[in-house]
Amino acid sequence: MRKWHQLSGLTSGLPFKVDATWTPEQALAVLQLIDDLSDRIWTHYAGAVQNLLREQHAMNGAVDEYGNDVPF
């Protein structure tokens, strides 16, 4: 069985199973629900999430490879 990489970085936890017998309509409904939820969360938390991502990026030692001398 293939182990899926989680964007959260979690490597253990409870398995989450998706019913393999959904109709295409049911799968679309779930995708639309997740998309709507994502939009609502982003609308409310966009600034805070961007700041957090910026902080995490800086803490991981990420360096701007182009510097500040880019002419455009």
Protein backbone atom coordinates (compact mmCIF):
# COMPACT_ATOMS: atom_id res chain seq x y z
CA MET A 1 0.00 0.00 0.00
CA ARG A 2 1.37 3.41 -0.99
CA LYS A 3 2.00 5.89 1.81
CA TRP A 4 0.72 9.34 0.88
CA HIS A 5 2.70 12.47 1.67
CA GLN A 6 0.64 14.86 3.77
CA LEU A 7 1.03 18.59 3.16
CA SER A 8 0.79 19.07 6.93
CA GLY A 9 3.99 17.10 7.36
CA LEU A 10 2.29 14.62 9.68
CA THR A 11 3.75 11.16 9.43
CA SER A 12 1.39 9.35 11.79
CA GLY A 13 -2.21 9.53 12.86
CA LEU A 14 -5.57 8.00 12.20
CA PRO A 15 -6.20 6.70 8.71
CA PHE A 16 -8.79 8.54 6.68
CA LYS A 17 -10.61 6.41 4.16
CA VAL A 18 -12.64 7.64 1.23
CA ASP A 19 -15.45 5.43 0.04
CA ALA A 20 -14.39 3.87 -3.25
CA THR A 21 -18.00 3.43 -4.34
CA TRP A 22 -19.01 7.11 -4.50
CA THR A 23 -20.73 8.22 -7.63
CA PRO A 24 -19.06 10.99 -9.62
CA GLU A 25 -21.82 13.29 -8.34
CA GLN A 26 -21.00 12.44 -4.71
CA ALA A 27 -17.28 12.96 -5.29
CA LEU A 28 -17.98 16.33 -6.93
CA ALA A 29 -20.18 17.39 -4.00
CA VAL A 30 -17.37 16.61 -1.54
CA LEU A 31 -14.82 18.46 -3.66
CA GLN A 32 -17.12 21.49 -3.84
CA LEU A 33 -17.61 21.42 -0.07
CA ILE A 34 -13.85 21.29 0.52
CA ASP A 35 -13.31 24.10 -1.99
CA ASP A 36 -15.98 26.26 -0.31
CA LEU A 37 -14.46 25.57 3.11
CA SER A 38 -11.00 26.49 1.84
CA ASP A 39 -12.34 29.76 0.39
CA ARG A 40 -14.04 30.70 3.67
CA ILE A 41 -10.94 29.93 5.73
CA TRP A 42 -8.72 31.88 3.32
CA THR A 43 -11.10 34.86 3.33
CA HIS A 44 -10.94 35.05 7.12
CA TYR A 45 -7.32 34.08 7.80
CA ALA A 46 -5.41 35.11 4.65
CA GLY A 47 -3.22 37.75 6.29
CA ALA A 48 -2.42 35.65 9.33
CA VAL A 49 -1.67 32.57 7.23
CA GLN A 50 0.60 34.57 4.90
CA ASN A 51 2.50 35.96 7.88
CA LEU A 52 2.88 32.50 9.40
CA LEU A 53 4.11 31.02 6.12
CA ARG A 54 6.60 33.89 5.77
CA GLU A 55 7.89 33.27 9.31
CA GLN A 56 8.19 29.52 8.74
CA HIS A 57 9.96 30.12 5.45
CA ALA A 58 12.45 32.44 7.18
CA MET A 59 12.99 30.01 10.08
CA ASN A 60 13.85 27.22 7.65
CA GLY A 61 16.80 29.27 6.44
CA ALA A 62 15.26 30.05 3.08
CA VAL A 63 17.22 32.73 1.30
CA ASP A 64 16.04 34.89 -1.55
CA GLU A 65 18.26 33.56 -4.32
CA TYR A 66 17.78 36.65 -6.43
CA GLY A 67 18.56 39.27 -3.82
CA ASN A 68 17.28 42.80 -4.03
CA ASP A 69 19.19 43.79 -7.19
CA VAL A 70 16.72 42.36 -9.66
CA PRO A 71 16.02 45.08 -12.27
CA PHE A 72 12.34 44.20 -12.70
